[in-house]
Amino acid sequence: MSIMAAIQPATSLKEYAAREAARPRPEPVANGGDPRAALRTEIAARNAAAAMVRDATASVGRAKELVQEAEARLSAFGDVDGAIRAYRAAGMKAHALGGDKPDTELPADLIARRQGYDQAQEHIDATSAAHDDLVCDLKAAEAKLKVADAEVSQAAIAVMVSAAGSIAAELERARKTVWELSDQLHALCGLWLSAGGAPRPVALGPRTVETLRNDTPPWIANPLAAESARWRAWHTALMADAEAEF
């Protein structure tokens, strides 16, 4: 098994892209589709992207460990080139002092050490290349997650906008009711009726009169800030759960 095959994520970026391309898409909200269905789809895509980032992060971690292990094995061989130079220098020195001409062949232990060093270096090169490839994959996965998260946010906003339409319709009905009730009370307040004598204006009760006079909303400290916080909290909830309610 190759180094890359041993440490790469279970699902590659290419496979992830293929799965996302094959994922069924609901009717677009702009065409009358269900905004919550669209949000569910985007959350599923975002969660898949997040899983890809987790897998890629784990693979980068495993690759880094392999690089560190390979570097430790290489370090264990010490200065092989220095040892070879020292061996050859000693032979030349002995020859200069009248000894035999040095053998061009290295002893078996230095040959084995040289071969082991070269193999360890090749392993470092391979693991480092795999690590660099996986880091690039991780960055690409993080970029996809950022896009997917933005799409979830936009889908959540679409759910909120749809809810705002329902609230607006309810507000319209409530205003109509308020106006009808106000007209009814004002009409009675201005009505003159006879009760066995000359017509007189109908006397309304004090609470009714106070209600007609007071047309300001109940005092709440910074009501828009409180409602904005509610909308923001709902958006956060929708980012995680498409069924969250306002």
Protein backbone atom coordinates (compact mmCIF):
# COMPACT_ATOMS: atom_id res chain seq x y z
CA MET A 1 0.00 0.00 0.00
CA SER A 2 1.35 3.44 -0.89
CA ILE A 3 1.93 6.12 1.75
CA MET A 4 -0.85 8.26 0.27
CA ALA A 5 -3.30 5.35 0.29
CA ALA A 6 -2.53 4.68 3.94
CA ILE A 7 -3.19 8.21 5.18
CA GLN A 8 -5.65 9.82 2.77
CA PRO A 9 -9.27 10.48 3.88
CA ALA A 10 -11.88 7.79 3.42
CA THR A 11 -13.67 10.10 0.98
CA SER A 12 -11.61 12.12 -1.47
CA LEU A 13 -12.51 15.62 -2.59
CA LYS A 14 -13.38 14.23 -6.00
CA GLU A 15 -15.77 11.68 -4.47
CA TYR A 16 -17.27 14.38 -2.26
CA ALA A 17 -17.90 16.60 -5.28
CA ALA A 18 -19.51 13.69 -7.14
CA ARG A 19 -21.82 12.94 -4.21
CA GLU A 20 -22.85 16.56 -3.90
CA ALA A 21 -23.55 16.76 -7.63
CA ALA A 22 -25.78 13.69 -7.34
CA ARG A 23 -27.63 14.96 -4.26
CA PRO A 24 -31.34 15.61 -5.03
CA ARG A 25 -32.20 19.30 -4.96
CA PRO A 26 -35.63 20.61 -3.95
CA GLU A 27 -37.57 23.16 -5.97
CA PRO A 28 -35.86 26.57 -5.68
CA VAL A 29 -37.52 28.96 -3.26
CA ALA A 30 -37.69 31.56 -6.05
CA ASN A 31 -39.91 29.12 -7.96
CA GLY A 32 -42.24 28.54 -5.03
CA GLY A 33 -40.25 25.77 -3.36
CA ASP A 34 -40.33 25.02 0.37
CA PRO A 35 -37.60 27.10 2.08
CA ARG A 36 -37.22 24.56 4.86
CA ALA A 37 -36.68 21.77 2.35
CA ALA A 38 -33.98 23.88 0.73
CA LEU A 39 -32.43 24.52 4.14
CA ARG A 40 -32.41 20.80 4.96
CA THR A 41 -30.56 20.15 1.71
CA GLU A 42 -27.98 22.86 2.39
CA ILE A 43 -27.42 21.66 5.96
CA ALA A 44 -26.81 18.12 4.69
CA ALA A 45 -24.30 19.48 2.17
CA ARG A 46 -22.62 21.61 4.86
CA ASN A 47 -22.40 18.65 7.24
CA ALA A 48 -20.82 16.54 4.49
CA ALA A 49 -18.28 19.32 3.86
CA ALA A 50 -17.55 19.53 7.60
CA ALA A 51 -16.96 15.77 7.71
CA MET A 52 -14.60 16.14 4.77
CA VAL A 53 -12.64 18.80 6.67
CA ARG A 54 -12.46 16.56 9.75
CA ASP A 55 -11.19 13.63 7.67
CA ALA A 56 -8.69 15.82 5.83
CA THR A 57 -7.44 17.30 9.11
CA ALA A 58 -6.93 13.81 10.53
CA SER A 59 -5.06 12.73 7.39
CA VAL A 60 -2.75 15.75 7.60
CA GLY A 61 -2.07 14.84 11.22
CA ARG A 62 -1.23 11.25 10.31
CA ALA A 63 1.01 12.43 7.48
CA LYS A 64 2.84 14.79 9.82
CA GLU A 65 3.46 11.92 12.24
CA LEU A 66 4.89 9.82 9.40
CA VAL A 67 7.21 12.67 8.38
CA GLN A 68 8.43 13.01 11.97
CA GLU A 69 8.98 9.25 12.24
CA ALA A 70 10.90 9.23 8.94
CA GLU A 71 13.05 12.16 10.09
CA ALA A 72 13.84 10.32 13.33
CA ARG A 73 14.90 7.19 11.39
CA LEU A 74 17.09 9.32 9.11
CA SER A 75 18.67 11.07 12.09
CA ALA A 76 19.57 7.71 13.61
CA PHE A 77 22.02 7.07 10.75
CA GLY A 78 24.03 10.12 11.77
CA ASP A 79 26.45 11.89 9.41
CA VAL A 80 26.91 9.14 6.80
CA ASP A 81 28.73 11.40 4.35
CA GLY A 82 31.08 12.49 7.11
CA ALA A 83 31.76 8.89 8.09
CA ILE A 84 32.58 7.99 4.47
CA ARG A 85 34.87 10.99 4.11
CA ALA A 86 36.62 10.10 7.34
CA TYR A 87 37.09 6.50 6.19
CA ARG A 88 38.58 7.55 2.85
CA ALA A 89 40.74 10.23 4.48
CA ALA A 90 42.15 7.66 6.90
CA GLY A 91 43.01 5.34 4.00
CA MET A 92 44.73 8.12 2.06
CA LYS A 93 46.65 9.18 5.16
CA ALA A 94 47.81 5.63 5.79
CA HIS A 95 48.89 5.31 2.15
CA ALA A 96 50.80 8.60 2.35
CA LEU A 97 52.63 7.25 5.37
CA GLY A 98 53.79 4.23 3.38
CA GLY A 99 50.84 1.93 3.74
CA ASP A 100 48.94 0.09 1.06
CA LYS A 101 46.89 1.95 -1.52
CA PRO A 102 43.41 2.41 -0.07
CA ASP A 103 40.60 0.24 -1.35
CA THR A 104 38.03 2.15 -3.40
CA GLU A 105 35.32 -0.10 -2.05
CA LEU A 106 33.62 0.86 1.20
CA PRO A 107 33.34 -1.66 4.02
CA ALA A 108 30.05 -3.56 4.34
CA ASP A 109 28.91 -1.59 7.40
CA LEU A 110 29.31 1.76 5.63
CA ILE A 111 27.63 0.42 2.49
CA ALA A 112 24.65 -0.77 4.56
CA ARG A 113 24.57 2.52 6.42
CA ARG A 114 24.66 4.48 3.15
CA GLN A 115 21.86 2.37 1.68
CA GLY A 116 19.77 2.69 4.82
CA TYR A 117 20.31 6.45 4.86
CA ASP A 118 19.29 6.79 1.20
CA GLN A 119 16.16 4.70 1.77
CA ALA A 120 15.26 6.80 4.82
CA GLN A 121 15.73 9.98 2.80
CA GLU A 122 13.51 8.63 0.02
CA HIS A 123 10.88 7.82 2.62
CA ILE A 124 11.04 11.37 3.97
CA ASP A 125 10.66 12.75 0.45
CA ALA A 126 7.63 10.53 -0.15
CA THR A 127 5.94 11.28 3.17
CA SER A 128 6.66 15.01 2.84
CA ALA A 129 5.14 15.05 -0.64
CA ALA A 130 2.09 13.19 0.66
CA HIS A 131 1.80 15.64 3.56
CA ASP A 132 1.99 18.64 1.21
CA ASP A 133 -0.70 17.13 -1.06
CA LEU A 134 -2.98 16.51 1.91
CA VAL A 135 -2.47 20.05 3.21
CA CYS A 136 -3.64 21.32 -0.20
CA ASP A 137 -6.65 18.99 0.01
CA LEU A 138 -7.42 20.29 3.50
CA LYS A 139 -7.33 23.90 2.31
CA ALA A 140 -9.65 23.01 -0.57
CA ALA A 141 -12.01 21.22 1.83
CA GLU A 142 -12.02 24.23 4.17
CA ALA A 143 -12.85 26.50 1.23
CA LYS A 144 -15.77 24.23 0.29
CA LEU A 145 -16.99 24.26 3.89
CA LYS A 146 -16.89 28.06 3.95
CA VAL A 147 -19.02 28.19 0.81
CA ALA A 148 -21.40 25.52 2.15
CA ASP A 149 -21.77 27.39 5.45
CA ALA A 150 -22.64 30.58 3.57
CA GLU A 151 -25.27 28.69 1.57
CA VAL A 152 -26.80 27.35 4.79
CA SER A 153 -26.95 30.89 6.15
CA GLN A 154 -28.67 32.11 2.98
CA ALA A 155 -31.18 29.24 3.13
CA ALA A 156 -31.86 30.03 6.80
CA ILE A 157 -32.49 33.65 5.87
CA ALA A 158 -34.98 32.46 3.23
CA VAL A 159 -36.88 30.59 5.96
CA MET A 160 -36.91 33.77 8.05
CA VAL A 161 -38.12 35.87 5.14
CA SER A 162 -40.92 33.38 4.53
CA ALA A 163 -41.89 33.59 8.21
CA ALA A 164 -41.79 37.38 7.98
CA GLY A 165 -44.37 37.17 5.20
CA SER A 166 -46.68 35.22 7.48
CA ILE A 167 -46.09 37.70 10.30
CA ALA A 168 -46.86 40.58 7.94
CA ALA A 169 -50.14 38.93 6.94
CA GLU A 170 -51.00 38.45 10.60
CA LEU A 171 -50.12 42.10 11.28
CA GLU A 172 -52.38 43.17 8.43
CA ARG A 173 -55.26 41.17 9.89
CA ALA A 174 -54.56 42.53 13.36
CA ARG A 175 -54.51 46.13 12.10
CA LYS A 176 -57.81 45.58 10.31
CA THR A 177 -59.30 44.23 13.52
CA VAL A 178 -57.93 47.14 15.53
CA TRP A 179 -59.35 49.66 13.09
CA GLU A 180 -62.74 47.93 13.04
CA LEU A 181 -62.89 47.84 16.85
CA SER A 182 -61.76 51.45 17.11
CA ASP A 183 -64.39 52.56 14.60
CA GLN A 184 -67.06 50.66 16.53
CA LEU A 185 -66.17 52.34 19.83
CA HIS A 186 -65.76 55.81 18.33
CA ALA A 187 -69.11 55.43 16.59
CA LEU A 188 -70.79 54.57 19.88
CA CYS A 189 -68.96 57.40 21.63
CA GLY A 190 -70.37 59.88 19.14
CA LEU A 191 -73.87 58.43 19.16
CA TRP A 192 -76.78 60.42 20.68
CA LEU A 193 -79.73 58.39 21.93
CA SER A 194 -82.91 59.15 23.77
CA ALA A 195 -83.74 57.39 27.03
CA GLY A 196 -87.19 58.89 27.61
CA GLY A 197 -86.10 62.48 27.15
CA ALA A 198 -83.95 64.58 24.87
CA PRO A 199 -81.23 62.65 23.04
CA ARG A 200 -77.94 62.55 24.88
CA PRO A 201 -74.49 61.20 23.95
CA VAL A 202 -73.82 57.66 25.06
CA ALA A 203 -71.56 57.73 28.13
CA LEU A 204 -68.83 55.11 27.83
CA GLY A 205 -67.15 53.53 30.82
CA PRO A 206 -63.83 54.98 32.03
CA ARG A 207 -61.81 51.99 30.85
CA THR A 208 -63.33 52.24 27.36
CA VAL A 209 -62.61 55.97 27.23
CA GLU A 210 -59.03 55.42 28.39
CA THR A 211 -58.55 52.73 25.75
CA LEU A 212 -59.74 55.07 23.00
CA ARG A 213 -57.46 57.85 24.19
CA ASN A 214 -54.34 55.70 24.63
CA ASP A 215 -53.20 54.57 21.16
CA THR A 216 -49.48 54.21 22.01
CA PRO A 217 -47.90 50.77 22.39
CA PRO A 218 -46.97 49.50 25.85
CA TRP A 219 -43.56 50.75 26.99
CA ILE A 220 -40.77 48.24 26.46
CA ALA A 221 -37.11 49.19 26.77
CA ASN A 222 -35.61 49.08 23.26
CA PRO A 223 -38.16 46.66 21.74
CA LEU A 224 -36.42 46.54 18.34
CA ALA A 225 -33.18 45.38 19.94
CA ALA A 226 -35.03 42.62 21.78
CA GLU A 227 -36.76 41.46 18.59
CA SER A 228 -33.51 41.68 16.60
CA ALA A 229 -31.92 39.39 19.19
CA ARG A 230 -34.79 36.92 18.72
CA TRP A 231 -34.32 36.89 14.94
CA ARG A 232 -30.56 36.46 15.30
CA ALA A 233 -31.01 33.60 17.77
CA TRP A 234 -33.42 31.92 15.37
CA HIS A 235 -30.96 32.25 12.51
CA THR A 236 -28.29 30.56 14.66
CA ALA A 237 -30.72 27.76 15.53
CA LEU A 238 -31.73 27.30 11.88
CA MET A 239 -28.08 26.96 10.88
CA ALA A 240 -28.03 23.72 12.88
CA ASP A 241 -31.64 22.54 12.64
CA ALA A 242 -33.94 23.24 9.70
CA GLU A 243 -36.97 22.53 11.92
CA ALA A 244 -36.13 25.18 14.55
CA GLU A 245 -39.02 27.50 15.29
CA PHE A 246 -39.04 31.25 15.93
